[in-house]
Amino acid sequence: MSIAVKKAKAALRKAVRTQLASIPPNVVEAESRKVAALLFASEEFKNSKKVSVYLSTPGSEVQTDEIVEEVLARKPHVRCYIPRCNGETMDMVKVESLEDFRTLPVNKWNIREPPLDQPRTSAFSEDGLDLIIMPGLAFDREGWRIGHGKGYYDKFLERCELFAKENGIPPPRTVALALSAQIIETPVPRDEFDRKPDFVLIGRS
């Protein structure tokens, strides 16, 4: 990543975080419901059997509890996976039930996450994923995203593409979820490592 892109991303993250901090909770809740309804109506969601869902931070992005619960309600025909990070690496591990989900501990970012010492089935140890529901800090009008700076999803999507190629299966579809305040008019600064979601669902107030 060039120094110019790195500085541009840092400045954008700072500006967006300041803006998101001022969004009233009722707006986040209302837009999250609208995004969930759009997702549930999509063919990508209806046709997917192996779905990973990011677990949301309280108040500053589309909330995903309802989405996780809907995926779990479709068991046994649909499997649900959630992120678990170990250092710089993110994996998607299976959630077995609604009780399993609701009793997950929260990490230092106040996000539910399975502990590293808890045995979990990875999507890569089974047959991969059909659909990845991913977050972002901001999105431009072309659908490019900027994350929080760790590169977890960009690296994970690269692993998914390699897994799909090695196993002769299609790579998973990717859908990002956004509050209306997360859409920016200027292009998101990016480099060759950034991955663009297949589509972005936006909550409108």
N, C-alpha and C. Protein backbone atom coordinates (compact mmCIF):
# COMPACT_ATOMS: atom_id res chain seq x y z
N MET A 1 0.84 -1.19 0.00
CA MET A 1 0.00 0.00 0.00
C MET A 1 0.88 1.24 0.00
N SER A 2 0.59 2.18 -0.89
CA SER A 2 1.37 3.40 -0.95
C SER A 2 1.10 4.26 0.28
N ILE A 3 2.06 5.15 0.58
CA ILE A 3 1.89 6.05 1.73
C ILE A 3 0.68 6.96 1.53
N ALA A 4 0.47 7.41 0.28
CA ALA A 4 -0.66 8.31 0.01
C ALA A 4 -1.99 7.62 0.27
N VAL A 5 -2.14 6.36 -0.19
CA VAL A 5 -3.38 5.61 0.03
C VAL A 5 -3.57 5.35 1.52
N LYS A 6 -2.49 4.99 2.20
CA LYS A 6 -2.58 4.72 3.64
C LYS A 6 -3.05 5.95 4.40
N LYS A 7 -2.51 7.13 4.06
CA LYS A 7 -2.93 8.36 4.73
C LYS A 7 -4.37 8.72 4.39
N ALA A 8 -4.76 8.51 3.13
CA ALA A 8 -6.13 8.82 2.73
C ALA A 8 -7.13 7.92 3.45
N LYS A 9 -6.78 6.65 3.61
CA LYS A 9 -7.67 5.73 4.32
C LYS A 9 -7.79 6.13 5.79
N ALA A 10 -6.68 6.48 6.41
CA ALA A 10 -6.71 6.88 7.83
C ALA A 10 -7.58 8.11 8.03
N ALA A 11 -7.47 9.09 7.14
CA ALA A 11 -8.27 10.30 7.25
C ALA A 11 -9.75 10.00 7.06
N LEU A 12 -10.07 9.13 6.10
CA LEU A 12 -11.46 8.77 5.85
C LEU A 12 -12.05 8.02 7.04
N ARG A 13 -11.29 7.08 7.59
CA ARG A 13 -11.78 6.34 8.75
C ARG A 13 -12.09 7.29 9.92
N LYS A 14 -11.22 8.23 10.15
CA LYS A 14 -11.44 9.18 11.25
C LYS A 14 -12.70 9.99 11.03
N ALA A 15 -12.90 10.49 9.82
CA ALA A 15 -14.07 11.31 9.51
C ALA A 15 -15.36 10.50 9.62
N VAL A 16 -15.35 9.27 9.10
CA VAL A 16 -16.56 8.45 9.12
C VAL A 16 -16.91 8.04 10.55
N ARG A 17 -15.92 7.67 11.34
CA ARG A 17 -16.18 7.28 12.73
C ARG A 17 -16.81 8.42 13.52
N THR A 18 -16.34 9.63 13.28
CA THR A 18 -16.92 10.80 13.95
C THR A 18 -18.38 10.97 13.56
N GLN A 19 -18.67 10.79 12.27
CA GLN A 19 -20.05 10.93 11.80
C GLN A 19 -20.95 9.84 12.36
N LEU A 20 -20.46 8.60 12.36
CA LEU A 20 -21.28 7.48 12.82
C LEU A 20 -21.59 7.58 14.31
N ALA A 21 -20.69 8.19 15.06
CA ALA A 21 -20.90 8.30 16.51
C ALA A 21 -22.11 9.16 16.86
N SER A 22 -22.56 9.97 15.92
CA SER A 22 -23.67 10.88 16.18
C SER A 22 -25.03 10.34 15.72
N ILE A 23 -25.06 9.14 15.14
CA ILE A 23 -26.32 8.59 14.65
C ILE A 23 -27.17 8.12 15.82
N PRO A 24 -28.42 8.55 15.92
CA PRO A 24 -29.29 8.11 17.01
C PRO A 24 -29.54 6.59 16.93
N PRO A 25 -29.62 5.93 18.08
CA PRO A 25 -29.86 4.48 18.10
C PRO A 25 -31.11 4.05 17.33
N ASN A 26 -32.17 4.87 17.38
CA ASN A 26 -33.40 4.49 16.68
C ASN A 26 -33.22 4.47 15.17
N VAL A 27 -32.31 5.31 14.64
CA VAL A 27 -32.03 5.32 13.21
C VAL A 27 -31.26 4.05 12.84
N VAL A 28 -30.29 3.69 13.66
CA VAL A 28 -29.54 2.46 13.41
C VAL A 28 -30.48 1.26 13.43
N GLU A 29 -31.37 1.22 14.39
CA GLU A 29 -32.31 0.11 14.51
C GLU A 29 -33.24 0.04 13.30
N ALA A 30 -33.79 1.18 12.88
CA ALA A 30 -34.73 1.20 11.76
C ALA A 30 -34.03 0.81 10.46
N GLU A 31 -32.85 1.35 10.22
CA GLU A 31 -32.14 1.02 8.98
C GLU A 31 -31.66 -0.42 8.98
N SER A 32 -31.30 -0.95 10.14
CA SER A 32 -30.90 -2.35 10.23
C SER A 32 -32.04 -3.27 9.85
N ARG A 33 -33.25 -2.95 10.29
CA ARG A 33 -34.42 -3.76 9.93
C ARG A 33 -34.67 -3.72 8.43
N LYS A 34 -34.50 -2.55 7.82
CA LYS A 34 -34.72 -2.41 6.38
C LYS A 34 -33.69 -3.22 5.59
N VAL A 35 -32.44 -3.15 6.03
CA VAL A 35 -31.39 -3.92 5.35
C VAL A 35 -31.66 -5.42 5.49
N ALA A 36 -32.05 -5.86 6.68
CA ALA A 36 -32.35 -7.27 6.87
C ALA A 36 -33.48 -7.73 5.95
N ALA A 37 -34.51 -6.92 5.80
CA ALA A 37 -35.62 -7.26 4.91
C ALA A 37 -35.16 -7.38 3.46
N LEU A 38 -34.29 -6.46 3.03
CA LEU A 38 -33.74 -6.53 1.67
C LEU A 38 -32.92 -7.80 1.49
N LEU A 39 -32.13 -8.13 2.48
CA LEU A 39 -31.31 -9.34 2.40
C LEU A 39 -32.17 -10.58 2.31
N PHE A 40 -33.17 -10.69 3.18
CA PHE A 40 -34.02 -11.88 3.21
C PHE A 40 -34.78 -12.07 1.90
N ALA A 41 -35.06 -10.97 1.20
CA ALA A 41 -35.79 -11.03 -0.07
C ALA A 41 -34.88 -11.34 -1.26
N SER A 42 -33.58 -11.27 -1.06
CA SER A 42 -32.65 -11.46 -2.18
C SER A 42 -32.51 -12.93 -2.57
N GLU A 43 -32.29 -13.17 -3.86
CA GLU A 43 -32.10 -14.53 -4.34
C GLU A 43 -30.82 -15.14 -3.78
N GLU A 44 -29.80 -14.30 -3.58
CA GLU A 44 -28.54 -14.80 -3.03
C GLU A 44 -28.76 -15.42 -1.65
N PHE A 45 -29.55 -14.76 -0.83
CA PHE A 45 -29.82 -15.27 0.50
C PHE A 45 -30.71 -16.51 0.44
N LYS A 46 -31.76 -16.44 -0.36
CA LYS A 46 -32.70 -17.56 -0.45
C LYS A 46 -32.03 -18.84 -0.96
N ASN A 47 -31.05 -18.69 -1.83
CA ASN A 47 -30.44 -19.85 -2.47
C ASN A 47 -29.18 -20.36 -1.77
N SER A 48 -28.77 -19.71 -0.70
CA SER A 48 -27.53 -20.08 -0.03
C SER A 48 -27.79 -21.07 1.10
N LYS A 49 -26.89 -22.04 1.22
CA LYS A 49 -26.99 -23.07 2.26
C LYS A 49 -25.88 -22.96 3.30
N LYS A 50 -24.84 -22.21 2.98
CA LYS A 50 -23.68 -22.06 3.90
C LYS A 50 -23.38 -20.57 3.98
N VAL A 51 -23.82 -19.94 5.05
CA VAL A 51 -23.82 -18.48 5.16
C VAL A 51 -22.96 -18.03 6.33
N SER A 52 -22.07 -17.09 6.08
CA SER A 52 -21.34 -16.45 7.19
C SER A 52 -21.88 -15.05 7.39
N VAL A 53 -21.99 -14.65 8.66
CA VAL A 53 -22.55 -13.35 9.03
C VAL A 53 -21.60 -12.66 10.00
N TYR A 54 -21.23 -11.42 9.71
CA TYR A 54 -20.43 -10.68 10.69
C TYR A 54 -21.29 -10.37 11.90
N LEU A 55 -20.66 -10.28 13.06
CA LEU A 55 -21.36 -9.92 14.28
C LEU A 55 -21.09 -8.45 14.56
N SER A 56 -22.15 -7.69 14.71
CA SER A 56 -22.06 -6.22 14.67
C SER A 56 -21.60 -5.62 16.00
N THR A 57 -20.93 -4.47 15.86
CA THR A 57 -20.63 -3.65 17.03
C THR A 57 -21.89 -2.84 17.38
N PRO A 58 -22.15 -2.63 18.64
CA PRO A 58 -23.37 -1.90 19.02
C PRO A 58 -23.37 -0.46 18.49
N GLY A 59 -24.40 -0.14 17.72
CA GLY A 59 -24.68 1.26 17.44
C GLY A 59 -24.05 1.93 16.25
N SER A 60 -23.00 1.35 15.64
CA SER A 60 -22.31 2.12 14.60
C SER A 60 -22.32 1.45 13.23
N GLU A 61 -23.10 0.43 13.06
CA GLU A 61 -23.20 -0.26 11.77
C GLU A 61 -24.51 -1.04 11.74
N VAL A 62 -24.82 -1.63 10.62
CA VAL A 62 -26.04 -2.45 10.52
C VAL A 62 -25.95 -3.59 11.53
N GLN A 63 -26.97 -3.70 12.37
CA GLN A 63 -27.00 -4.72 13.41
C GLN A 63 -27.43 -6.07 12.82
N THR A 64 -26.74 -7.14 13.21
CA THR A 64 -26.94 -8.42 12.52
C THR A 64 -27.55 -9.53 13.36
N ASP A 65 -27.96 -9.24 14.60
CA ASP A 65 -28.56 -10.30 15.41
C ASP A 65 -29.75 -10.94 14.71
N GLU A 66 -30.61 -10.12 14.12
CA GLU A 66 -31.80 -10.63 13.43
C GLU A 66 -31.40 -11.53 12.26
N ILE A 67 -30.32 -11.18 11.58
CA ILE A 67 -29.88 -11.97 10.43
C ILE A 67 -29.33 -13.32 10.89
N VAL A 68 -28.52 -13.32 11.94
CA VAL A 68 -28.01 -14.58 12.47
C VAL A 68 -29.17 -15.48 12.91
N GLU A 69 -30.14 -14.90 13.58
CA GLU A 69 -31.28 -15.68 14.05
C GLU A 69 -32.08 -16.26 12.88
N GLU A 70 -32.21 -15.50 11.79
CA GLU A 70 -32.93 -16.00 10.62
C GLU A 70 -32.16 -17.15 9.96
N VAL A 71 -30.85 -17.04 9.85
CA VAL A 71 -30.06 -18.13 9.28
C VAL A 71 -30.19 -19.38 10.15
N LEU A 72 -30.09 -19.21 11.46
CA LEU A 72 -30.20 -20.36 12.37
C LEU A 72 -31.60 -20.98 12.31
N ALA A 73 -32.62 -20.17 12.05
CA ALA A 73 -33.98 -20.69 11.96
C ALA A 73 -34.16 -21.61 10.76
N ARG A 74 -33.24 -21.52 9.79
CA ARG A 74 -33.34 -22.34 8.57
C ARG A 74 -32.59 -23.66 8.68
N LYS A 75 -32.02 -23.93 9.86
CA LYS A 75 -31.40 -25.23 10.07
C LYS A 75 -32.46 -26.32 9.94
N PRO A 76 -32.09 -27.54 9.51
CA PRO A 76 -30.75 -28.02 9.17
C PRO A 76 -30.36 -27.78 7.71
N HIS A 77 -31.23 -27.11 6.96
CA HIS A 77 -30.95 -26.92 5.53
C HIS A 77 -29.89 -25.86 5.28
N VAL A 78 -29.68 -24.98 6.25
CA VAL A 78 -28.72 -23.89 6.11
C VAL A 78 -27.78 -23.92 7.32
N ARG A 79 -26.49 -23.72 7.05
CA ARG A 79 -25.50 -23.66 8.13
C ARG A 79 -25.05 -22.21 8.33
N CYS A 80 -24.81 -21.85 9.58
CA CYS A 80 -24.44 -20.47 9.94
C CYS A 80 -23.02 -20.43 10.49
N TYR A 81 -22.22 -19.49 9.97
CA TYR A 81 -20.85 -19.31 10.42
C TYR A 81 -20.64 -17.85 10.82
N ILE A 82 -19.75 -17.65 11.78
CA ILE A 82 -19.44 -16.30 12.26
C ILE A 82 -17.92 -16.13 12.36
N PRO A 83 -17.43 -14.88 12.40
CA PRO A 83 -15.99 -14.67 12.45
C PRO A 83 -15.37 -15.02 13.80
N ARG A 84 -14.15 -15.55 13.72
CA ARG A 84 -13.29 -15.68 14.89
C ARG A 84 -11.87 -15.30 14.47
N CYS A 85 -11.29 -14.35 15.16
CA CYS A 85 -9.97 -13.83 14.78
C CYS A 85 -8.89 -14.37 15.71
N ASN A 86 -7.75 -14.66 15.11
CA ASN A 86 -6.58 -15.12 15.85
C ASN A 86 -5.39 -14.33 15.32
N GLY A 87 -5.03 -13.26 16.03
CA GLY A 87 -3.97 -12.39 15.54
C GLY A 87 -4.43 -11.66 14.28
N GLU A 88 -3.70 -11.86 13.19
CA GLU A 88 -4.02 -11.19 11.93
C GLU A 88 -4.92 -12.02 11.03
N THR A 89 -5.32 -13.20 11.49
CA THR A 89 -6.10 -14.13 10.66
C THR A 89 -7.53 -14.25 11.16
N MET A 90 -8.47 -14.24 10.23
CA MET A 90 -9.88 -14.44 10.55
C MET A 90 -10.36 -15.74 9.92
N ASP A 91 -11.11 -16.51 10.68
CA ASP A 91 -11.75 -17.71 10.17
C ASP A 91 -13.25 -17.57 10.37
N MET A 92 -14.02 -18.40 9.68
CA MET A 92 -15.46 -18.46 9.89
C MET A 92 -15.79 -19.81 10.50
N VAL A 93 -16.39 -19.77 11.71
CA VAL A 93 -16.67 -21.00 12.45
C VAL A 93 -18.18 -21.14 12.67
N LYS A 94 -18.60 -22.38 12.81
CA LYS A 94 -20.03 -22.68 12.84
C LYS A 94 -20.67 -22.33 14.19
N VAL A 95 -21.89 -21.78 14.08
CA VAL A 95 -22.76 -21.60 15.24
C VAL A 95 -23.79 -22.71 15.20
N GLU A 96 -23.95 -23.41 16.31
CA GLU A 96 -24.78 -24.61 16.30
C GLU A 96 -26.26 -24.34 16.57
N SER A 97 -26.56 -23.29 17.32
CA SER A 97 -27.95 -23.05 17.72
C SER A 97 -28.12 -21.61 18.17
N LEU A 98 -29.37 -21.23 18.38
CA LEU A 98 -29.67 -19.89 18.87
C LEU A 98 -29.10 -19.71 20.28
N GLU A 99 -29.21 -20.73 21.11
CA GLU A 99 -28.64 -20.66 22.45
C GLU A 99 -27.12 -20.50 22.39
N ASP A 100 -26.50 -21.24 21.49
CA ASP A 100 -25.05 -21.11 21.28
C ASP A 100 -24.68 -19.67 20.94
N PHE A 101 -25.42 -19.07 20.02
CA PHE A 101 -25.17 -17.70 19.61
C PHE A 101 -25.35 -16.72 20.76
N ARG A 102 -26.46 -16.84 21.46
CA ARG A 102 -26.80 -15.87 22.50
C ARG A 102 -25.89 -15.95 23.72
N THR A 103 -25.21 -17.06 23.91
CA THR A 103 -24.34 -17.21 25.08
C THR A 103 -22.86 -16.99 24.75
N LEU A 104 -22.56 -16.53 23.54
CA LEU A 104 -21.18 -16.23 23.19
C LEU A 104 -20.66 -15.07 24.03
N PRO A 105 -19.42 -15.15 24.49
CA PRO A 105 -18.85 -14.00 25.22
C PRO A 105 -18.53 -12.87 24.25
N VAL A 106 -18.33 -11.67 24.79
CA VAL A 106 -17.97 -10.53 23.95
C VAL A 106 -16.47 -10.26 24.09
N ASN A 107 -15.88 -9.77 23.00
CA ASN A 107 -14.45 -9.48 23.01
C ASN A 107 -14.20 -8.02 23.42
N LYS A 108 -12.96 -7.54 23.26
CA LYS A 108 -12.62 -6.19 23.72
C LYS A 108 -13.32 -5.10 22.92
N TRP A 109 -13.87 -5.43 21.74
CA TRP A 109 -14.64 -4.47 20.94
C TRP A 109 -16.13 -4.56 21.22
N ASN A 110 -16.51 -5.35 22.24
CA ASN A 110 -17.90 -5.55 22.62
C ASN A 110 -18.69 -6.27 21.52
N ILE A 111 -17.99 -7.18 20.82
CA ILE A 111 -18.60 -8.00 19.78
C ILE A 111 -18.59 -9.45 20.24
N ARG A 112 -19.68 -10.16 20.03
CA ARG A 112 -19.69 -11.58 20.35
C ARG A 112 -18.63 -12.31 19.51
N GLU A 113 -17.91 -13.22 20.15
CA GLU A 113 -16.89 -13.98 19.43
C GLU A 113 -16.58 -15.27 20.19
N PRO A 114 -16.54 -16.41 19.50
CA PRO A 114 -16.16 -17.65 20.18
C PRO A 114 -14.72 -17.60 20.67
N PRO A 115 -14.44 -18.06 21.88
CA PRO A 115 -13.06 -18.09 22.37
C PRO A 115 -12.19 -19.01 21.51
N LEU A 116 -10.90 -18.71 21.45
CA LEU A 116 -9.98 -19.51 20.64
C LEU A 116 -9.82 -20.93 21.18
N ASP A 117 -10.03 -21.10 22.49
CA ASP A 117 -9.85 -22.44 23.06
C ASP A 117 -11.13 -23.27 23.01
N GLN A 118 -12.16 -22.75 22.36
CA GLN A 118 -13.43 -23.46 22.24
C GLN A 118 -13.48 -24.18 20.90
N PRO A 119 -13.62 -25.51 20.89
CA PRO A 119 -13.65 -26.24 19.60
C PRO A 119 -14.81 -25.78 18.71
N ARG A 120 -14.48 -25.44 17.47
CA ARG A 120 -15.48 -24.98 16.51
C ARG A 120 -15.14 -25.54 15.13
N THR A 121 -16.17 -25.79 14.34
CA THR A 121 -15.99 -26.27 12.97
C THR A 121 -15.79 -25.10 12.03
N SER A 122 -14.69 -25.12 11.29
CA SER A 122 -14.40 -24.07 10.32
C SER A 122 -15.11 -24.35 9.01
N ALA A 123 -15.50 -23.29 8.31
CA ALA A 123 -16.11 -23.47 6.99
C ALA A 123 -15.16 -24.17 6.03
N PHE A 124 -13.86 -23.95 6.18
CA PHE A 124 -12.88 -24.57 5.30
C PHE A 124 -12.69 -26.05 5.60
N SER A 125 -13.09 -26.51 6.79
CA SER A 125 -12.97 -27.93 7.10
C SER A 125 -14.18 -28.71 6.60
N GLU A 126 -15.20 -27.99 6.13
CA GLU A 126 -16.36 -28.64 5.51
C GLU A 126 -16.28 -28.36 4.00
N ASP A 127 -17.27 -27.69 3.45
CA ASP A 127 -17.24 -27.48 1.99
C ASP A 127 -17.38 -26.01 1.64
N GLY A 128 -16.80 -25.15 2.50
CA GLY A 128 -16.75 -23.73 2.16
C GLY A 128 -18.06 -23.00 2.43
N LEU A 129 -18.19 -21.84 1.78
CA LEU A 129 -19.34 -20.96 1.97
C LEU A 129 -20.02 -20.65 0.64
N ASP A 130 -21.32 -20.37 0.71
CA ASP A 130 -22.07 -19.88 -0.45
C ASP A 130 -22.17 -18.36 -0.44
N LEU A 131 -22.31 -17.80 0.77
CA LEU A 131 -22.59 -16.37 0.91
C LEU A 131 -21.84 -15.82 2.12
N ILE A 132 -21.18 -14.68 1.91
CA ILE A 132 -20.50 -13.98 3.00
C ILE A 132 -21.17 -12.63 3.19
N ILE A 133 -21.74 -12.41 4.37
CA ILE A 133 -22.36 -11.13 4.71
C ILE A 133 -21.33 -10.34 5.50
N MET A 134 -20.87 -9.24 4.92
CA MET A 134 -19.70 -8.56 5.46
C MET A 134 -19.99 -7.11 5.83
N PRO A 135 -19.20 -6.58 6.76
CA PRO A 135 -19.36 -5.20 7.18
C PRO A 135 -18.45 -4.27 6.38
N GLY A 136 -18.47 -3.02 6.74
CA GLY A 136 -17.56 -2.03 6.19
C GLY A 136 -17.73 -0.76 7.00
N LEU A 137 -16.72 0.08 6.97
CA LEU A 137 -16.83 1.36 7.66
C LEU A 137 -17.49 2.40 6.77
N ALA A 138 -17.15 2.36 5.47
CA ALA A 138 -17.75 3.29 4.50
C ALA A 138 -17.73 2.64 3.12
N PHE A 139 -18.64 3.13 2.26
CA PHE A 139 -18.78 2.60 0.90
C PHE A 139 -18.98 3.77 -0.05
N ASP A 140 -18.39 3.66 -1.25
CA ASP A 140 -18.66 4.71 -2.24
C ASP A 140 -19.79 4.27 -3.17
N ARG A 141 -20.12 5.11 -4.12
CA ARG A 141 -21.27 4.85 -4.99
C ARG A 141 -21.03 3.69 -5.96
N GLU A 142 -19.77 3.29 -6.14
CA GLU A 142 -19.47 2.14 -6.99
C GLU A 142 -19.45 0.84 -6.22
N GLY A 143 -19.62 0.92 -4.91
CA GLY A 143 -19.66 -0.29 -4.09
C GLY A 143 -18.35 -0.68 -3.45
N TRP A 144 -17.30 0.12 -3.65
CA TRP A 144 -16.04 -0.17 -2.97
C TRP A 144 -16.17 0.16 -1.50
N ARG A 145 -15.50 -0.62 -0.67
CA ARG A 145 -15.61 -0.47 0.78
C ARG A 145 -14.26 -0.16 1.40
N ILE A 146 -14.30 0.46 2.55
CA ILE A 146 -13.14 0.58 3.41
C ILE A 146 -13.51 -0.02 4.74
N GLY A 147 -12.66 -0.90 5.26
CA GLY A 147 -12.92 -1.54 6.54
C GLY A 147 -12.27 -0.77 7.67
N HIS A 148 -12.06 -1.48 8.78
CA HIS A 148 -11.52 -0.82 9.96
C HIS A 148 -10.00 -0.80 9.99
N GLY A 149 -9.36 -1.41 9.01
CA GLY A 149 -7.92 -1.27 8.89
C GLY A 149 -7.10 -2.53 9.11
N LYS A 150 -7.74 -3.63 9.51
CA LYS A 150 -7.01 -4.86 9.76
C LYS A 150 -6.88 -5.74 8.51
N GLY A 151 -7.73 -5.49 7.53
CA GLY A 151 -7.68 -6.29 6.31
C GLY A 151 -8.21 -7.70 6.46
N TYR A 152 -9.00 -7.94 7.51
CA TYR A 152 -9.48 -9.30 7.77
C TYR A 152 -10.28 -9.86 6.58
N TYR A 153 -11.23 -9.09 6.07
CA TYR A 153 -12.08 -9.62 5.01
C TYR A 153 -11.35 -9.73 3.69
N ASP A 154 -10.50 -8.79 3.35
CA ASP A 154 -9.74 -8.88 2.11
C ASP A 154 -8.90 -10.16 2.10
N LYS A 155 -8.24 -10.45 3.21
CA LYS A 155 -7.42 -11.66 3.29
C LYS A 155 -8.28 -12.93 3.31
N PHE A 156 -9.43 -12.85 4.00
CA PHE A 156 -10.29 -14.03 4.05
C PHE A 156 -10.88 -14.34 2.68
N LEU A 157 -11.26 -13.33 1.93
CA LEU A 157 -11.81 -13.55 0.59
C LEU A 157 -10.76 -14.16 -0.34
N GLU A 158 -9.52 -13.78 -0.16
CA GLU A 158 -8.45 -14.39 -0.95
C GLU A 158 -8.33 -15.88 -0.63
N ARG A 159 -8.45 -16.23 0.64
CA ARG A 159 -8.43 -17.65 1.03
C ARG A 159 -9.63 -18.39 0.46
N CYS A 160 -10.80 -17.74 0.44
CA CYS A 160 -12.00 -18.36 -0.13
C CYS A 160 -11.82 -18.66 -1.62
N GLU A 161 -11.22 -17.73 -2.33
CA GLU A 161 -11.00 -17.93 -3.77
C GLU A 161 -10.05 -19.09 -4.02
N LEU A 162 -9.01 -19.20 -3.20
CA LEU A 162 -8.07 -20.31 -3.33
C LEU A 162 -8.75 -21.63 -3.00
N PHE A 163 -9.55 -21.65 -1.92
CA PHE A 163 -10.28 -22.86 -1.53
C PHE A 163 -11.21 -23.31 -2.64
N ALA A 164 -11.93 -22.35 -3.23
CA ALA A 164 -12.86 -22.68 -4.32
C ALA A 164 -12.12 -23.25 -5.52
N LYS A 165 -11.00 -22.66 -5.86
CA LYS A 165 -10.22 -23.14 -7.00
C LYS A 165 -9.69 -24.55 -6.76
N GLU A 166 -9.20 -24.79 -5.54
CA GLU A 166 -8.64 -26.11 -5.22
C GLU A 166 -9.70 -27.19 -5.19
N ASN A 167 -10.95 -26.81 -4.87
CA ASN A 167 -12.02 -27.80 -4.73
C ASN A 167 -13.00 -27.79 -5.90
N GLY A 168 -12.73 -26.98 -6.92
CA GLY A 168 -13.57 -26.97 -8.11
C GLY A 168 -14.99 -26.50 -7.86
N ILE A 169 -15.15 -25.51 -6.98
CA ILE A 169 -16.47 -24.99 -6.67
C ILE A 169 -16.47 -23.47 -6.89
N PRO A 170 -17.65 -22.87 -7.07
CA PRO A 170 -17.70 -21.40 -7.23
C PRO A 170 -17.29 -20.70 -5.94
N PRO A 171 -16.63 -19.56 -6.04
CA PRO A 171 -16.34 -18.79 -4.83
C PRO A 171 -17.63 -18.24 -4.24
N PRO A 172 -17.66 -17.94 -2.96
CA PRO A 172 -18.89 -17.42 -2.34
C PRO A 172 -19.25 -16.04 -2.86
N ARG A 173 -20.53 -15.77 -2.89
CA ARG A 173 -21.01 -14.43 -3.18
C ARG A 173 -20.80 -13.57 -1.94
N THR A 174 -20.61 -12.27 -2.14
CA THR A 174 -20.36 -11.37 -1.02
C THR A 174 -21.36 -10.22 -1.05
N VAL A 175 -21.97 -9.97 0.10
CA VAL A 175 -22.90 -8.84 0.22
C VAL A 175 -22.50 -8.04 1.45
N ALA A 176 -22.33 -6.75 1.28
CA ALA A 176 -22.01 -5.85 2.38
C ALA A 176 -23.27 -5.10 2.81
N LEU A 177 -23.34 -4.80 4.09
CA LEU A 177 -24.49 -4.10 4.66
C LEU A 177 -24.07 -2.72 5.12
N ALA A 178 -24.88 -1.71 4.82
CA ALA A 178 -24.49 -0.33 5.13
C ALA A 178 -25.65 0.50 5.63
N LEU A 179 -25.39 1.32 6.63
CA LEU A 179 -26.30 2.39 7.00
C LEU A 179 -26.18 3.50 5.95
N SER A 180 -27.21 4.31 5.80
CA SER A 180 -27.16 5.38 4.80
C SER A 180 -26.02 6.35 5.09
N ALA A 181 -25.67 6.53 6.37
CA ALA A 181 -24.59 7.45 6.73
C ALA A 181 -23.22 6.91 6.36
N GLN A 182 -23.14 5.64 6.00
CA GLN A 182 -21.86 5.04 5.62
C GLN A 182 -21.57 5.17 4.12
N ILE A 183 -22.50 5.75 3.37
CA ILE A 183 -22.29 5.95 1.94
C ILE A 183 -21.67 7.32 1.71
N ILE A 184 -20.53 7.33 1.02
CA ILE A 184 -19.83 8.59 0.77
C ILE A 184 -19.85 8.90 -0.72
N GLU A 185 -19.75 10.16 -1.06
CA GLU A 185 -19.84 10.60 -2.45
C GLU A 185 -18.49 10.52 -3.18
N THR A 186 -17.40 10.60 -2.45
CA THR A 186 -16.08 10.52 -3.08
C THR A 186 -15.62 9.08 -3.15
N PRO A 187 -14.79 8.72 -4.13
CA PRO A 187 -14.31 7.34 -4.25
C PRO A 187 -13.51 6.91 -3.01
N VAL A 188 -13.72 5.69 -2.59
CA VAL A 188 -12.94 5.12 -1.48
C VAL A 188 -11.50 4.91 -1.95
N PRO A 189 -10.51 5.38 -1.20
CA PRO A 189 -9.12 5.10 -1.58
C PRO A 189 -8.84 3.60 -1.48
N ARG A 190 -8.16 3.05 -2.45
CA ARG A 190 -7.95 1.61 -2.45
C ARG A 190 -6.63 1.25 -3.14
N ASP A 191 -6.22 0.00 -2.91
CA ASP A 191 -5.03 -0.53 -3.57
C ASP A 191 -5.35 -1.89 -4.15
N GLU A 192 -4.32 -2.60 -4.62
CA GLU A 192 -4.55 -3.85 -5.33
C GLU A 192 -5.04 -4.98 -4.43
N PHE A 193 -4.95 -4.81 -3.12
CA PHE A 193 -5.37 -5.87 -2.20
C PHE A 193 -6.83 -5.75 -1.79
N ASP A 194 -7.46 -4.62 -2.06
CA ASP A 194 -8.84 -4.41 -1.64
C ASP A 194 -9.81 -5.20 -2.52
N ARG A 195 -10.84 -5.75 -1.89
CA ARG A 195 -11.85 -6.55 -2.59
C ARG A 195 -13.19 -5.83 -2.56
N LYS A 196 -13.86 -5.85 -3.70
CA LYS A 196 -15.16 -5.20 -3.82
C LYS A 196 -16.27 -6.21 -3.60
N PRO A 197 -17.23 -5.93 -2.71
CA PRO A 197 -18.36 -6.85 -2.54
C PRO A 197 -19.16 -6.97 -3.84
N ASP A 198 -19.83 -8.10 -3.99
CA ASP A 198 -20.68 -8.28 -5.18
C ASP A 198 -21.80 -7.25 -5.19
N PHE A 199 -22.35 -6.94 -4.03
CA PHE A 199 -23.33 -5.86 -3.95
C PHE A 199 -23.42 -5.36 -2.51
N VAL A 200 -23.98 -4.16 -2.37
CA VAL A 200 -24.12 -3.51 -1.08
C VAL A 200 -25.60 -3.22 -0.84
N LEU A 201 -26.11 -3.61 0.32
CA LEU A 201 -27.48 -3.29 0.70
C LEU A 201 -27.45 -2.12 1.67
N ILE A 202 -28.26 -1.11 1.39
CA ILE A 202 -28.20 0.15 2.14
C ILE A 202 -29.53 0.41 2.84
N GLY A 203 -29.45 0.77 4.12
CA GLY A 203 -30.63 1.19 4.86
C GLY A 203 -30.93 2.65 4.54
N ARG A 204 -32.17 2.95 4.25
CA ARG A 204 -32.59 4.32 3.96
C ARG A 204 -33.54 4.79 5.04
N SER A 205 -33.22 5.95 5.63
CA SER A 205 -34.08 6.48 6.70
C SER A 205 -35.41 6.95 6.11
